[in-house]
């Protein structure tokens, strides 16, 4: 679970670096925009 969670966070960070907005990342990964926000905050 933790490995999969880290992998998802890395995907979120990479898509963010590519310029996607939170809701676009959420749609791309089929997750909620809130989870994207949480993972980006954790990464920061």
ModelCIF file with pLDDT and N, C-alpha, C, O atoms, coordinates in Angstrom:
data_MODEL
#
_entry.id   MODEL 
#
_entity.id                         1 
_entity.type                       polymer 
_entity.pdbx_number_of_molecules   1 
#
_entity_poly.entity_id                      1 
_entity_poly.type                           'polypeptide(L)' 
_entity_poly.nstd_linkage                   no 
_entity_poly.nstd_monomer                   no 
_entity_poly.pdbx_seq_one_letter_code       
;(UNK)(UNK)(UNK)(UNK)(UNK)(UNK)(UNK)(UNK)(UNK)(UNK)(UNK)(UNK)(UNK)(UNK)(UNK)(UNK)
(UNK)(UNK)(UNK)(UNK)(UNK)(UNK)(UNK)(UNK)(UNK)(UNK)(UNK)(UNK)(UNK)(UNK)(UNK)(UNK)
(UNK)(UNK)(UNK)(UNK)(UNK)(UNK)(UNK)(UNK)(UNK)(UNK)(UNK)(UNK)
;
_entity_poly.pdbx_seq_one_letter_code_can   XXXXXXXXXXXXXXXXXXXXXXXXXXXXXXXXXXXXXXXXXXXX 
_entity_poly.pdbx_strand_id                 A 
#
loop_
_entity_poly_seq.entity_id 
_entity_poly_seq.num 
_entity_poly_seq.mon_id 
_entity_poly_seq.hetero 
1 1  UNK n 
1 2  UNK n 
1 3  UNK n 
1 4  UNK n 
1 5  UNK n 
1 6  UNK n 
1 7  UNK n 
1 8  UNK n 
1 9  UNK n 
1 10 UNK n 
1 11 UNK n 
1 12 UNK n 
1 13 UNK n 
1 14 UNK n 
1 15 UNK n 
1 16 UNK n 
1 17 UNK n 
1 18 UNK n 
1 19 UNK n 
1 20 UNK n 
1 21 UNK n 
1 22 UNK n 
1 23 UNK n 
1 24 UNK n 
1 25 UNK n 
1 26 UNK n 
1 27 UNK n 
1 28 UNK n 
1 29 UNK n 
1 30 UNK n 
1 31 UNK n 
1 32 UNK n 
1 33 UNK n 
1 34 UNK n 
1 35 UNK n 
1 36 UNK n 
1 37 UNK n 
1 38 UNK n 
1 39 UNK n 
1 40 UNK n 
1 41 UNK n 
1 42 UNK n 
1 43 UNK n 
1 44 UNK n 
#
_struct_asym.id          A 
_struct_asym.entity_id   1 
#
loop_
_ma_qa_metric.id 
_ma_qa_metric.mode 
_ma_qa_metric.name 
_ma_qa_metric.software_group_id 
_ma_qa_metric.type 
1 global pLDDT . pLDDT 
2 local  pLDDT . pLDDT 
#
_ma_qa_metric_global.metric_id      1 
_ma_qa_metric_global.metric_value   94.57 
_ma_qa_metric_global.model_id       1 
_ma_qa_metric_global.ordinal_id     1 
#
loop_
_ma_qa_metric_local.label_asym_id 
_ma_qa_metric_local.label_comp_id 
_ma_qa_metric_local.label_seq_id 
_ma_qa_metric_local.metric_id 
_ma_qa_metric_local.metric_value 
_ma_qa_metric_local.model_id 
_ma_qa_metric_local.ordinal_id 
A UNK 1  2 85.00 1 1  
A UNK 2  2 89.00 1 2  
A UNK 3  2 91.00 1 3  
A UNK 4  2 89.00 1 4  
A UNK 5  2 88.00 1 5  
A UNK 6  2 90.00 1 6  
A UNK 7  2 93.00 1 7  
A UNK 8  2 93.00 1 8  
A UNK 9  2 93.00 1 9  
A UNK 10 2 94.00 1 10 
A UNK 11 2 96.00 1 11 
A UNK 12 2 97.00 1 12 
A UNK 13 2 96.00 1 13 
A UNK 14 2 96.00 1 14 
A UNK 15 2 97.00 1 15 
A UNK 16 2 97.00 1 16 
A UNK 17 2 96.00 1 17 
A UNK 18 2 96.00 1 18 
A UNK 19 2 95.00 1 19 
A UNK 20 2 96.00 1 20 
A UNK 21 2 96.00 1 21 
A UNK 22 2 96.00 1 22 
A UNK 23 2 97.00 1 23 
A UNK 24 2 97.00 1 24 
A UNK 25 2 97.00 1 25 
A UNK 26 2 97.00 1 26 
A UNK 27 2 97.00 1 27 
A UNK 28 2 96.00 1 28 
A UNK 29 2 96.00 1 29 
A UNK 30 2 95.00 1 30 
A UNK 31 2 96.00 1 31 
A UNK 32 2 96.00 1 32 
A UNK 33 2 97.00 1 33 
A UNK 34 2 97.00 1 34 
A UNK 35 2 95.00 1 35 
A UNK 36 2 97.00 1 36 
A UNK 37 2 96.00 1 37 
A UNK 38 2 95.00 1 38 
A UNK 39 2 94.00 1 39 
A UNK 40 2 95.00 1 40 
A UNK 41 2 95.00 1 41 
A UNK 42 2 92.00 1 42 
A UNK 43 2 92.00 1 43 
A UNK 44 2 93.00 1 44 
#
loop_
_atom_site.group_PDB 
_atom_site.id 
_atom_site.type_symbol 
_atom_site.label_atom_id 
_atom_site.label_alt_id 
_atom_site.label_comp_id 
_atom_site.label_asym_id 
_atom_site.label_entity_id 
_atom_site.label_seq_id 
_atom_site.pdbx_PDB_ins_code 
_atom_site.Cartn_x 
_atom_site.Cartn_y 
_atom_site.Cartn_z 
_atom_site.occupancy 
_atom_site.B_iso_or_equiv 
_atom_site.pdbx_formal_charge 
_atom_site.auth_seq_id 
_atom_site.auth_comp_id 
_atom_site.auth_asym_id 
_atom_site.auth_atom_id 
_atom_site.pdbx_PDB_model_num 
ATOM 1   N N  . UNK A 1 1  ? 0.824   -1.201 0.000   1.00 85.00 ? 1  UNK A N  1 
ATOM 2   C CA . UNK A 1 1  ? 0.000   0.000  0.000   1.00 85.00 ? 1  UNK A CA 1 
ATOM 3   C C  . UNK A 1 1  ? 0.864   1.259  0.000   1.00 85.00 ? 1  UNK A C  1 
ATOM 4   O O  . UNK A 1 1  ? 0.611   2.188  -0.767  1.00 85.00 ? 1  UNK A O  1 
ATOM 5   N N  . UNK A 1 2  ? 1.876   1.291  0.853   1.00 89.00 ? 2  UNK A N  1 
ATOM 6   C CA . UNK A 1 2  ? 2.734   2.470  0.939   1.00 89.00 ? 2  UNK A CA 1 
ATOM 7   C C  . UNK A 1 2  ? 3.511   2.683  -0.352  1.00 89.00 ? 2  UNK A C  1 
ATOM 8   O O  . UNK A 1 2  ? 3.708   3.822  -0.774  1.00 89.00 ? 2  UNK A O  1 
ATOM 9   N N  . UNK A 1 3  ? 3.953   1.604  -0.980  1.00 91.00 ? 3  UNK A N  1 
ATOM 10  C CA . UNK A 1 3  ? 4.652   1.713  -2.257  1.00 91.00 ? 3  UNK A CA 1 
ATOM 11  C C  . UNK A 1 3  ? 3.750   2.272  -3.340  1.00 91.00 ? 3  UNK A C  1 
ATOM 12  O O  . UNK A 1 3  ? 4.162   3.126  -4.125  1.00 91.00 ? 3  UNK A O  1 
ATOM 13  N N  . UNK A 1 4  ? 2.514   1.783  -3.378  1.00 89.00 ? 4  UNK A N  1 
ATOM 14  C CA . UNK A 1 4  ? 1.555   2.278  -4.352  1.00 89.00 ? 4  UNK A CA 1 
ATOM 15  C C  . UNK A 1 4  ? 1.215   3.742  -4.092  1.00 89.00 ? 4  UNK A C  1 
ATOM 16  O O  . UNK A 1 4  ? 1.030   4.519  -5.029  1.00 89.00 ? 4  UNK A O  1 
ATOM 17  N N  . UNK A 1 5  ? 1.134   4.110  -2.826  1.00 88.00 ? 5  UNK A N  1 
ATOM 18  C CA . UNK A 1 5  ? 0.850   5.493  -2.456  1.00 88.00 ? 5  UNK A CA 1 
ATOM 19  C C  . UNK A 1 5  ? 1.981   6.425  -2.890  1.00 88.00 ? 5  UNK A C  1 
ATOM 20  O O  . UNK A 1 5  ? 1.728   7.511  -3.412  1.00 88.00 ? 5  UNK A O  1 
ATOM 21  N N  . UNK A 1 6  ? 3.228   5.999  -2.674  1.00 90.00 ? 6  UNK A N  1 
ATOM 22  C CA . UNK A 1 6  ? 4.388   6.799  -3.109  1.00 90.00 ? 6  UNK A CA 1 
ATOM 23  C C  . UNK A 1 6  ? 4.398   6.951  -4.625  1.00 90.00 ? 6  UNK A C  1 
ATOM 24  O O  . UNK A 1 6  ? 4.682   8.028  -5.148  1.00 90.00 ? 6  UNK A O  1 
ATOM 25  N N  . UNK A 1 7  ? 4.089   5.873  -5.318  1.00 93.00 ? 7  UNK A N  1 
ATOM 26  C CA . UNK A 1 7  ? 4.062   5.915  -6.778  1.00 93.00 ? 7  UNK A CA 1 
ATOM 27  C C  . UNK A 1 7  ? 2.997   6.904  -7.265  1.00 93.00 ? 7  UNK A C  1 
ATOM 28  O O  . UNK A 1 7  ? 3.244   7.672  -8.195  1.00 93.00 ? 7  UNK A O  1 
ATOM 29  N N  . UNK A 1 8  ? 1.831   6.886  -6.647  1.00 93.00 ? 8  UNK A N  1 
ATOM 30  C CA . UNK A 1 8  ? 0.768   7.812  -7.027  1.00 93.00 ? 8  UNK A CA 1 
ATOM 31  C C  . UNK A 1 8  ? 1.203   9.246  -6.743  1.00 93.00 ? 8  UNK A C  1 
ATOM 32  O O  . UNK A 1 8  ? 0.962   10.135 -7.559  1.00 93.00 ? 8  UNK A O  1 
ATOM 33  N N  . UNK A 1 9  ? 1.854   9.490  -5.573  1.00 93.00 ? 9  UNK A N  1 
ATOM 34  C CA . UNK A 1 9  ? 2.320   10.844 -5.265  1.00 93.00 ? 9  UNK A CA 1 
ATOM 35  C C  . UNK A 1 9  ? 3.328   11.305 -6.310  1.00 93.00 ? 9  UNK A C  1 
ATOM 36  O O  . UNK A 1 9  ? 3.294   12.457 -6.742  1.00 93.00 ? 9  UNK A O  1 
ATOM 37  N N  . UNK A 1 10 ? 4.221   10.413 -6.717  1.00 94.00 ? 10 UNK A N  1 
ATOM 38  C CA . UNK A 1 10 ? 5.203   10.759 -7.747  1.00 94.00 ? 10 UNK A CA 1 
ATOM 39  C C  . UNK A 1 10 ? 4.525   11.102 -9.067  1.00 94.00 ? 10 UNK A C  1 
ATOM 40  O O  . UNK A 1 10 ? 4.954   12.019 -9.766  1.00 94.00 ? 10 UNK A O  1 
ATOM 41  N N  . UNK A 1 11 ? 3.464   10.367 -9.412  1.00 96.00 ? 11 UNK A N  1 
ATOM 42  C CA . UNK A 1 11 ? 2.717   10.668 -10.637 1.00 96.00 ? 11 UNK A CA 1 
ATOM 43  C C  . UNK A 1 11 ? 2.069   12.043 -10.529 1.00 96.00 ? 11 UNK A C  1 
ATOM 44  O O  . UNK A 1 11 ? 2.105   12.827 -11.478 1.00 96.00 ? 11 UNK A O  1 
ATOM 45  N N  . UNK A 1 12 ? 1.480   12.331 -9.382  1.00 97.00 ? 12 UNK A N  1 
ATOM 46  C CA . UNK A 1 12 ? 0.823   13.621 -9.172  1.00 97.00 ? 12 UNK A CA 1 
ATOM 47  C C  . UNK A 1 12 ? 1.836   14.753 -9.299  1.00 97.00 ? 12 UNK A C  1 
ATOM 48  O O  . UNK A 1 12 ? 1.575   15.754 -9.967  1.00 97.00 ? 12 UNK A O  1 
ATOM 49  N N  . UNK A 1 13 ? 2.988   14.592 -8.658  1.00 96.00 ? 13 UNK A N  1 
ATOM 50  C CA . UNK A 1 13 ? 4.027   15.624 -8.712  1.00 96.00 ? 13 UNK A CA 1 
ATOM 51  C C  . UNK A 1 13 ? 4.496   15.826 -10.155 1.00 96.00 ? 13 UNK A C  1 
ATOM 52  O O  . UNK A 1 13 ? 4.650   16.964 -10.599 1.00 96.00 ? 13 UNK A O  1 
ATOM 53  N N  . UNK A 1 14 ? 4.719   14.749 -10.878 1.00 96.00 ? 14 UNK A N  1 
ATOM 54  C CA . UNK A 1 14 ? 5.188   14.856 -12.260 1.00 96.00 ? 14 UNK A CA 1 
ATOM 55  C C  . UNK A 1 14 ? 4.164   15.572 -13.140 1.00 96.00 ? 14 UNK A C  1 
ATOM 56  O O  . UNK A 1 14 ? 4.529   16.442 -13.931 1.00 96.00 ? 14 UNK A O  1 
ATOM 57  N N  . UNK A 1 15 ? 2.905   15.219 -13.010 1.00 97.00 ? 15 UNK A N  1 
ATOM 58  C CA . UNK A 1 15 ? 1.870   15.883 -13.804 1.00 97.00 ? 15 UNK A CA 1 
ATOM 59  C C  . UNK A 1 15 ? 1.763   17.359 -13.423 1.00 97.00 ? 15 UNK A C  1 
ATOM 60  O O  . UNK A 1 15 ? 1.535   18.210 -14.283 1.00 97.00 ? 15 UNK A O  1 
ATOM 61  N N  . UNK A 1 16 ? 1.928   17.661 -12.145 1.00 97.00 ? 16 UNK A N  1 
ATOM 62  C CA . UNK A 1 16 ? 1.921   19.057 -11.690 1.00 97.00 ? 16 UNK A CA 1 
ATOM 63  C C  . UNK A 1 16 ? 3.084   19.824 -12.329 1.00 97.00 ? 16 UNK A C  1 
ATOM 64  O O  . UNK A 1 16 ? 2.912   20.950 -12.795 1.00 97.00 ? 16 UNK A O  1 
ATOM 65  N N  . UNK A 1 17 ? 4.253   19.211 -12.344 1.00 96.00 ? 17 UNK A N  1 
ATOM 66  C CA . UNK A 1 17 ? 5.429   19.859 -12.951 1.00 96.00 ? 17 UNK A CA 1 
ATOM 67  C C  . UNK A 1 17 ? 5.224   20.100 -14.442 1.00 96.00 ? 17 UNK A C  1 
ATOM 68  O O  . UNK A 1 17 ? 5.761   21.057 -15.001 1.00 96.00 ? 17 UNK A O  1 
ATOM 69  N N  . UNK A 1 18 ? 4.448   19.234 -15.082 1.00 96.00 ? 18 UNK A N  1 
ATOM 70  C CA . UNK A 1 18 ? 4.172   19.389 -16.512 1.00 96.00 ? 18 UNK A CA 1 
ATOM 71  C C  . UNK A 1 18 ? 3.156   20.491 -16.786 1.00 96.00 ? 18 UNK A C  1 
ATOM 72  O O  . UNK A 1 18 ? 2.910   20.841 -17.940 1.00 96.00 ? 18 UNK A O  1 
ATOM 73  N N  . UNK A 1 19 ? 2.563   21.039 -15.718 1.00 95.00 ? 19 UNK A N  1 
ATOM 74  C CA . UNK A 1 19 ? 1.674   22.184 -15.868 1.00 95.00 ? 19 UNK A CA 1 
ATOM 75  C C  . UNK A 1 19 ? 0.197   21.875 -15.724 1.00 95.00 ? 19 UNK A C  1 
ATOM 76  O O  . UNK A 1 19 ? -0.624  22.778 -15.886 1.00 95.00 ? 19 UNK A O  1 
ATOM 77  N N  . UNK A 1 20 ? -0.176  20.642 -15.427 1.00 96.00 ? 20 UNK A N  1 
ATOM 78  C CA . UNK A 1 20 ? -1.583  20.322 -15.259 1.00 96.00 ? 20 UNK A CA 1 
ATOM 79  C C  . UNK A 1 20 ? -2.111  20.921 -13.968 1.00 96.00 ? 20 UNK A C  1 
ATOM 80  O O  . UNK A 1 20 ? -1.396  21.014 -12.970 1.00 96.00 ? 20 UNK A O  1 
ATOM 81  N N  . UNK A 1 21 ? -3.362  21.322 -14.002 1.00 96.00 ? 21 UNK A N  1 
ATOM 82  C CA . UNK A 1 21 ? -4.034  21.834 -12.817 1.00 96.00 ? 21 UNK A CA 1 
ATOM 83  C C  . UNK A 1 21 ? -4.525  20.656 -11.985 1.00 96.00 ? 21 UNK A C  1 
ATOM 84  O O  . UNK A 1 21 ? -4.597  19.531 -12.478 1.00 96.00 ? 21 UNK A O  1 
ATOM 85  N N  . UNK A 1 22 ? -4.861  20.916 -10.726 1.00 96.00 ? 22 UNK A N  1 
ATOM 86  C CA . UNK A 1 22 ? -5.283  19.861 -9.814  1.00 96.00 ? 22 UNK A CA 1 
ATOM 87  C C  . UNK A 1 22 ? -6.427  19.022 -10.346 1.00 96.00 ? 22 UNK A C  1 
ATOM 88  O O  . UNK A 1 22 ? -6.382  17.793 -10.284 1.00 96.00 ? 22 UNK A O  1 
ATOM 89  N N  . UNK A 1 23 ? -7.470  19.688 -10.878 1.00 97.00 ? 23 UNK A N  1 
ATOM 90  C CA . UNK A 1 23 ? -8.617  18.933 -11.376 1.00 97.00 ? 23 UNK A CA 1 
ATOM 91  C C  . UNK A 1 23 ? -8.259  18.122 -12.618 1.00 97.00 ? 23 UNK A C  1 
ATOM 92  O O  . UNK A 1 23 ? -8.862  17.077 -12.864 1.00 97.00 ? 23 UNK A O  1 
ATOM 93  N N  . UNK A 1 24 ? -7.287  18.587 -13.404 1.00 97.00 ? 24 UNK A N  1 
ATOM 94  C CA . UNK A 1 24 ? -6.836  17.825 -14.569 1.00 97.00 ? 24 UNK A CA 1 
ATOM 95  C C  . UNK A 1 24 ? -6.058  16.579 -14.143 1.00 97.00 ? 24 UNK A C  1 
ATOM 96  O O  . UNK A 1 24 ? -6.210  15.506 -14.729 1.00 97.00 ? 24 UNK A O  1 
ATOM 97  N N  . UNK A 1 25 ? -5.235  16.736 -13.128 1.00 97.00 ? 25 UNK A N  1 
ATOM 98  C CA . UNK A 1 25 ? -4.482  15.590 -12.587 1.00 97.00 ? 25 UNK A CA 1 
ATOM 99  C C  . UNK A 1 25 ? -5.469  14.565 -12.029 1.00 97.00 ? 25 UNK A C  1 
ATOM 100 O O  . UNK A 1 25 ? -5.329  13.365 -12.265 1.00 97.00 ? 25 UNK A O  1 
ATOM 101 N N  . UNK A 1 26 ? -6.463  15.047 -11.293 1.00 97.00 ? 26 UNK A N  1 
ATOM 102 C CA . UNK A 1 26 ? -7.470  14.161 -10.712 1.00 97.00 ? 26 UNK A CA 1 
ATOM 103 C C  . UNK A 1 26 ? -8.184  13.367 -11.801 1.00 97.00 ? 26 UNK A C  1 
ATOM 104 O O  . UNK A 1 26 ? -8.381  12.159 -11.670 1.00 97.00 ? 26 UNK A O  1 
ATOM 105 N N  . UNK A 1 27 ? -8.562  14.035 -12.851 1.00 97.00 ? 27 UNK A N  1 
ATOM 106 C CA . UNK A 1 27 ? -9.257  13.359 -13.954 1.00 97.00 ? 27 UNK A CA 1 
ATOM 107 C C  . UNK A 1 27 ? -8.338  12.341 -14.615 1.00 97.00 ? 27 UNK A C  1 
ATOM 108 O O  . UNK A 1 27 ? -8.765  11.229 -14.924 1.00 97.00 ? 27 UNK A O  1 
ATOM 109 N N  . UNK A 1 28 ? -7.087  12.711 -14.834 1.00 96.00 ? 28 UNK A N  1 
ATOM 110 C CA . UNK A 1 28 ? -6.115  11.833 -15.493 1.00 96.00 ? 28 UNK A CA 1 
ATOM 111 C C  . UNK A 1 28 ? -5.885  10.546 -14.687 1.00 96.00 ? 28 UNK A C  1 
ATOM 112 O O  . UNK A 1 28 ? -5.753  9.467  -15.264 1.00 96.00 ? 28 UNK A O  1 
ATOM 113 N N  . UNK A 1 29 ? -5.840  10.663 -13.369 1.00 96.00 ? 29 UNK A N  1 
ATOM 114 C CA . UNK A 1 29 ? -5.530  9.517  -12.511 1.00 96.00 ? 29 UNK A CA 1 
ATOM 115 C C  . UNK A 1 29 ? -6.773  8.871  -11.884 1.00 96.00 ? 29 UNK A C  1 
ATOM 116 O O  . UNK A 1 29 ? -6.664  7.912  -11.120 1.00 96.00 ? 29 UNK A O  1 
ATOM 117 N N  . UNK A 1 30 ? -7.945  9.406  -12.214 1.00 95.00 ? 30 UNK A N  1 
ATOM 118 C CA . UNK A 1 30 ? -9.219  8.893  -11.670 1.00 95.00 ? 30 UNK A CA 1 
ATOM 119 C C  . UNK A 1 30 ? -9.231  8.920  -10.140 1.00 95.00 ? 30 UNK A C  1 
ATOM 120 O O  . UNK A 1 30 ? -9.573  7.936  -9.483  1.00 95.00 ? 30 UNK A O  1 
ATOM 121 N N  . UNK A 1 31 ? -8.846  10.076 -9.595  1.00 96.00 ? 31 UNK A N  1 
ATOM 122 C CA . UNK A 1 31 ? -8.881  10.292 -8.152  1.00 96.00 ? 31 UNK A CA 1 
ATOM 123 C C  . UNK A 1 31 ? -9.558  11.632 -7.897  1.00 96.00 ? 31 UNK A C  1 
ATOM 124 O O  . UNK A 1 31 ? -9.871  12.354 -8.843  1.00 96.00 ? 31 UNK A O  1 
ATOM 125 N N  . UNK A 1 32 ? -9.783  11.967 -6.658  1.00 96.00 ? 32 UNK A N  1 
ATOM 126 C CA . UNK A 1 32 ? -10.436 13.233 -6.346  1.00 96.00 ? 32 UNK A CA 1 
ATOM 127 C C  . UNK A 1 32 ? -9.428  14.389 -6.385  1.00 96.00 ? 32 UNK A C  1 
ATOM 128 O O  . UNK A 1 32 ? -8.232  14.205 -6.163  1.00 96.00 ? 32 UNK A O  1 
ATOM 129 N N  . UNK A 1 33 ? -9.949  15.574 -6.672  1.00 97.00 ? 33 UNK A N  1 
ATOM 130 C CA . UNK A 1 33 ? -9.106  16.768 -6.672  1.00 97.00 ? 33 UNK A CA 1 
ATOM 131 C C  . UNK A 1 33 ? -8.573  17.034 -5.263  1.00 97.00 ? 33 UNK A C  1 
ATOM 132 O O  . UNK A 1 33 ? -7.471  17.558 -5.101  1.00 97.00 ? 33 UNK A O  1 
ATOM 133 N N  . UNK A 1 34 ? -9.352  16.674 -4.252  1.00 97.00 ? 34 UNK A N  1 
ATOM 134 C CA . UNK A 1 34 ? -8.906  16.838 -2.869  1.00 97.00 ? 34 UNK A CA 1 
ATOM 135 C C  . UNK A 1 34 ? -7.678  15.994 -2.564  1.00 97.00 ? 34 UNK A C  1 
ATOM 136 O O  . UNK A 1 34 ? -6.768  16.448 -1.870  1.00 97.00 ? 34 UNK A O  1 
ATOM 137 N N  . UNK A 1 35 ? -7.646  14.765 -3.080  1.00 95.00 ? 35 UNK A N  1 
ATOM 138 C CA . UNK A 1 35 ? -6.485  13.899 -2.860  1.00 95.00 ? 35 UNK A CA 1 
ATOM 139 C C  . UNK A 1 35 ? -5.257  14.476 -3.558  1.00 95.00 ? 35 UNK A C  1 
ATOM 140 O O  . UNK A 1 35 ? -4.149  14.406 -3.027  1.00 95.00 ? 35 UNK A O  1 
ATOM 141 N N  . UNK A 1 36 ? -5.451  15.041 -4.735  1.00 97.00 ? 36 UNK A N  1 
ATOM 142 C CA . UNK A 1 36 ? -4.334  15.682 -5.439  1.00 97.00 ? 36 UNK A CA 1 
ATOM 143 C C  . UNK A 1 36 ? -3.769  16.796 -4.576  1.00 97.00 ? 36 UNK A C  1 
ATOM 144 O O  . UNK A 1 36 ? -2.554  16.904 -4.408  1.00 97.00 ? 36 UNK A O  1 
ATOM 145 N N  . UNK A 1 37 ? -4.645  17.619 -4.032  1.00 96.00 ? 37 UNK A N  1 
ATOM 146 C CA . UNK A 1 37 ? -4.221  18.733 -3.188  1.00 96.00 ? 37 UNK A CA 1 
ATOM 147 C C  . UNK A 1 37 ? -3.458  18.238 -1.963  1.00 96.00 ? 37 UNK A C  1 
ATOM 148 O O  . UNK A 1 37 ? -2.422  18.800 -1.606  1.00 96.00 ? 37 UNK A O  1 
ATOM 149 N N  . UNK A 1 38 ? -3.962  17.202 -1.326  1.00 95.00 ? 38 UNK A N  1 
ATOM 150 C CA . UNK A 1 38 ? -3.304  16.650 -0.140  1.00 95.00 ? 38 UNK A CA 1 
ATOM 151 C C  . UNK A 1 38 ? -1.916  16.132 -0.486  1.00 95.00 ? 38 UNK A C  1 
ATOM 152 O O  . UNK A 1 38 ? -0.954  16.408 0.231   1.00 95.00 ? 38 UNK A O  1 
ATOM 153 N N  . UNK A 1 39 ? -1.805  15.384 -1.579  1.00 94.00 ? 39 UNK A N  1 
ATOM 154 C CA . UNK A 1 39 ? -0.513  14.800 -1.958  1.00 94.00 ? 39 UNK A CA 1 
ATOM 155 C C  . UNK A 1 39 ? 0.496   15.882 -2.348  1.00 94.00 ? 39 UNK A C  1 
ATOM 156 O O  . UNK A 1 39 ? 1.682   15.751 -2.045  1.00 94.00 ? 39 UNK A O  1 
ATOM 157 N N  . UNK A 1 40 ? 0.048   16.939 -3.010  1.00 95.00 ? 40 UNK A N  1 
ATOM 158 C CA . UNK A 1 40 ? 0.960   18.034 -3.354  1.00 95.00 ? 40 UNK A CA 1 
ATOM 159 C C  . UNK A 1 40 ? 1.419   18.761 -2.090  1.00 95.00 ? 40 UNK A C  1 
ATOM 160 O O  . UNK A 1 40 ? 2.579   19.163 -1.989  1.00 95.00 ? 40 UNK A O  1 
ATOM 161 N N  . UNK A 1 41 ? 0.520   18.928 -1.137  1.00 95.00 ? 41 UNK A N  1 
ATOM 162 C CA . UNK A 1 41 ? 0.894   19.555 0.134   1.00 95.00 ? 41 UNK A CA 1 
ATOM 163 C C  . UNK A 1 41 ? 1.933   18.696 0.854   1.00 95.00 ? 41 UNK A C  1 
ATOM 164 O O  . UNK A 1 41 ? 2.921   19.218 1.369   1.00 95.00 ? 41 UNK A O  1 
ATOM 165 N N  . UNK A 1 42 ? 1.711   17.383 0.889   1.00 92.00 ? 42 UNK A N  1 
ATOM 166 C CA . UNK A 1 42 ? 2.665   16.480 1.527   1.00 92.00 ? 42 UNK A CA 1 
ATOM 167 C C  . UNK A 1 42 ? 4.024   16.538 0.834   1.00 92.00 ? 42 UNK A C  1 
ATOM 168 O O  . UNK A 1 42 ? 5.066   16.505 1.488   1.00 92.00 ? 42 UNK A O  1 
ATOM 169 N N  . UNK A 1 43 ? 4.005   16.626 -0.496  1.00 92.00 ? 43 UNK A N  1 
ATOM 170 C CA . UNK A 1 43 ? 5.254   16.696 -1.253  1.00 92.00 ? 43 UNK A CA 1 
ATOM 171 C C  . UNK A 1 43 ? 6.013   17.977 -0.908  1.00 92.00 ? 43 UNK A C  1 
ATOM 172 O O  . UNK A 1 43 ? 7.230   17.956 -0.723  1.00 92.00 ? 43 UNK A O  1 
ATOM 173 N N  . UNK A 1 44 ? 5.282   19.095 -0.824  1.00 93.00 ? 44 UNK A N  1 
ATOM 174 C CA . UNK A 1 44 ? 5.915   20.366 -0.443  1.00 93.00 ? 44 UNK A CA 1 
ATOM 175 C C  . UNK A 1 44 ? 6.540   20.265 0.948   1.00 93.00 ? 44 UNK A C  1 
ATOM 176 O O  . UNK A 1 44 ? 7.118   21.236 1.437   1.00 93.00 ? 44 UNK A O  1 
#
